[in-house]
């Protein structure tokens, strides 16, 4: 099993910055990629950014140029640096890991990010 614990959410004004952190523990050797998802009230959970074991990254279009995902394999952490935040970035952000064995993925408990206009 893999345990994921997020930190760093909070309230920020539009245009501000936040950094989310996720610490992984447990069977971390089985992790193949890590990512951040977000879910706004009444909406589906969407992939925000992903980083693979090879360092390749993916960002959804709406956050490109504003968010950066970074991973420290030694510390077993993945961060999401969020700049130029907009009210539409308001959501619960979830850390996510893909693993090579069943159940193939794990979720953190989520952390609230609120951007005021």
Protein backbone atom coordinates (compact mmCIF):
# COMPACT_ATOMS: atom_id res chain seq x y z
CA UNK A 1 0.00 0.00 0.00
CA UNK A 2 0.94 3.62 -0.54
CA UNK A 3 -0.13 6.41 1.77
CA UNK A 4 -0.31 9.98 0.46
CA UNK A 5 -0.55 13.01 2.73
CA UNK A 6 -1.12 16.47 1.27
CA UNK A 7 -0.36 19.82 2.83
CA UNK A 8 -0.20 23.45 1.82
CA UNK A 9 -3.74 24.37 0.86
CA UNK A 10 -5.43 27.53 2.04
CA UNK A 11 -6.98 30.85 1.10
CA UNK A 12 -5.21 33.22 -1.27
CA UNK A 13 -6.16 36.27 -3.28
CA UNK A 14 -6.32 36.15 -7.04
CA UNK A 15 -2.87 36.58 -8.51
CA UNK A 16 -1.23 34.98 -5.51
CA UNK A 17 0.74 31.77 -5.13
CA UNK A 18 0.51 28.57 -3.16
CA UNK A 19 2.59 25.44 -2.95
CA UNK A 20 0.98 22.07 -2.34
CA UNK A 21 3.08 19.20 -1.08
CA UNK A 22 2.38 15.48 -1.02
CA UNK A 23 4.44 12.98 0.93
CA UNK A 24 4.29 9.32 -0.04
CA UNK A 25 5.03 6.44 2.29
CA UNK A 26 4.63 2.69 2.27
CA UNK A 27 5.32 0.69 -0.89
CA UNK A 28 6.74 3.68 -2.75
CA UNK A 29 8.98 1.52 -4.94
CA UNK A 30 5.85 0.52 -6.88
CA UNK A 31 5.02 4.11 -7.84
CA UNK A 32 5.27 4.78 -11.59
CA UNK A 33 3.88 8.31 -11.67
CA UNK A 34 2.45 10.94 -9.38
CA UNK A 35 -0.12 13.59 -10.10
CA UNK A 36 -2.42 16.25 -8.76
CA UNK A 37 -6.15 16.28 -9.45
CA UNK A 38 -8.73 18.83 -8.39
CA UNK A 39 -12.44 18.83 -7.85
CA UNK A 40 -14.61 21.92 -7.60
CA UNK A 41 -18.07 21.73 -6.01
CA UNK A 42 -20.54 20.03 -8.34
CA UNK A 43 -17.87 19.18 -10.89
CA UNK A 44 -15.88 16.11 -11.83
CA UNK A 45 -12.40 15.46 -10.58
CA UNK A 46 -9.88 16.60 -13.20
CA UNK A 47 -6.22 15.90 -13.75
CA UNK A 48 -4.17 19.05 -13.18
CA UNK A 49 -0.59 17.88 -13.59
CA UNK A 50 1.33 14.62 -13.72
CA UNK A 51 4.97 13.62 -13.52
CA UNK A 52 6.24 10.20 -14.52
CA UNK A 53 9.20 8.27 -13.21
CA UNK A 54 11.09 9.36 -16.30
CA UNK A 55 10.48 13.00 -15.42
CA UNK A 56 7.98 13.59 -18.18
CA UNK A 57 5.23 16.03 -17.26
CA UNK A 58 1.70 16.81 -18.31
CA UNK A 59 -0.39 19.89 -17.52
CA UNK A 60 -3.97 20.63 -18.32
CA UNK A 61 -4.27 23.60 -20.64
CA UNK A 62 -5.82 25.94 -18.10
CA UNK A 63 -2.79 25.77 -15.78
CA UNK A 64 0.05 25.72 -18.30
CA UNK A 65 2.52 28.48 -17.60
CA UNK A 66 1.14 29.01 -14.10
CA UNK A 67 1.56 25.68 -12.31
CA UNK A 68 4.67 23.55 -12.00
CA UNK A 69 4.82 19.99 -10.73
CA UNK A 70 8.05 18.80 -9.19
CA UNK A 71 9.06 15.50 -7.68
CA UNK A 72 11.80 14.58 -5.25
CA UNK A 73 12.33 10.86 -5.50
CA UNK A 74 14.74 10.78 -2.57
CA UNK A 75 12.26 12.51 -0.27
CA UNK A 76 9.30 10.73 -1.89
CA UNK A 77 7.42 13.97 -2.32
CA UNK A 78 5.64 15.72 -5.14
CA UNK A 79 4.89 19.42 -5.06
CA UNK A 80 2.56 21.61 -7.06
CA UNK A 81 3.70 25.18 -7.34
CA UNK A 82 0.76 27.37 -8.26
CA UNK A 83 1.27 30.96 -9.43
CA UNK A 84 -1.08 33.61 -10.79
CA UNK A 85 -3.97 31.87 -9.13
CA UNK A 86 -7.48 32.56 -10.36
CA UNK A 87 -10.85 32.13 -8.64
CA UNK A 88 -11.56 29.26 -11.03
CA UNK A 89 -8.65 27.37 -9.50
CA UNK A 90 -10.69 27.02 -6.32
CA UNK A 91 -11.14 23.32 -5.59
CA UNK A 92 -10.11 20.45 -3.40
CA UNK A 93 -6.75 19.26 -4.66
CA UNK A 94 -5.87 15.59 -4.43
CA UNK A 95 -2.51 13.91 -4.63
CA UNK A 96 -2.55 10.75 -6.73
CA UNK A 97 -0.06 7.99 -7.40
CA UNK A 98 -0.01 5.36 -10.10
CA UNK A 99 1.52 2.06 -9.02
CA UNK A 100 2.59 -1.02 -10.91
CA UNK A 101 0.54 -3.49 -8.88
CA UNK A 102 -3.09 -3.75 -7.81
CA UNK A 103 -4.96 -1.54 -7.03
CA UNK A 104 -2.86 0.47 -9.49
CA UNK A 105 -3.58 3.85 -7.93
CA UNK A 106 -3.91 5.65 -4.58
CA UNK A 107 -5.39 8.95 -3.50
CA UNK A 108 -4.60 11.41 -0.77
CA UNK A 109 -7.29 12.88 1.43
CA UNK A 110 -7.39 16.21 -0.38
CA UNK A 111 -6.56 19.78 0.57
CA UNK A 112 -8.74 22.82 -0.02
CA UNK A 113 -7.50 25.69 -2.17
CA UNK A 114 -9.66 28.81 -2.23
CA UNK A 115 -8.83 31.78 -4.44
CA UNK A 116 -10.73 34.96 -3.69
CA UNK A 117 -11.38 37.61 -6.32
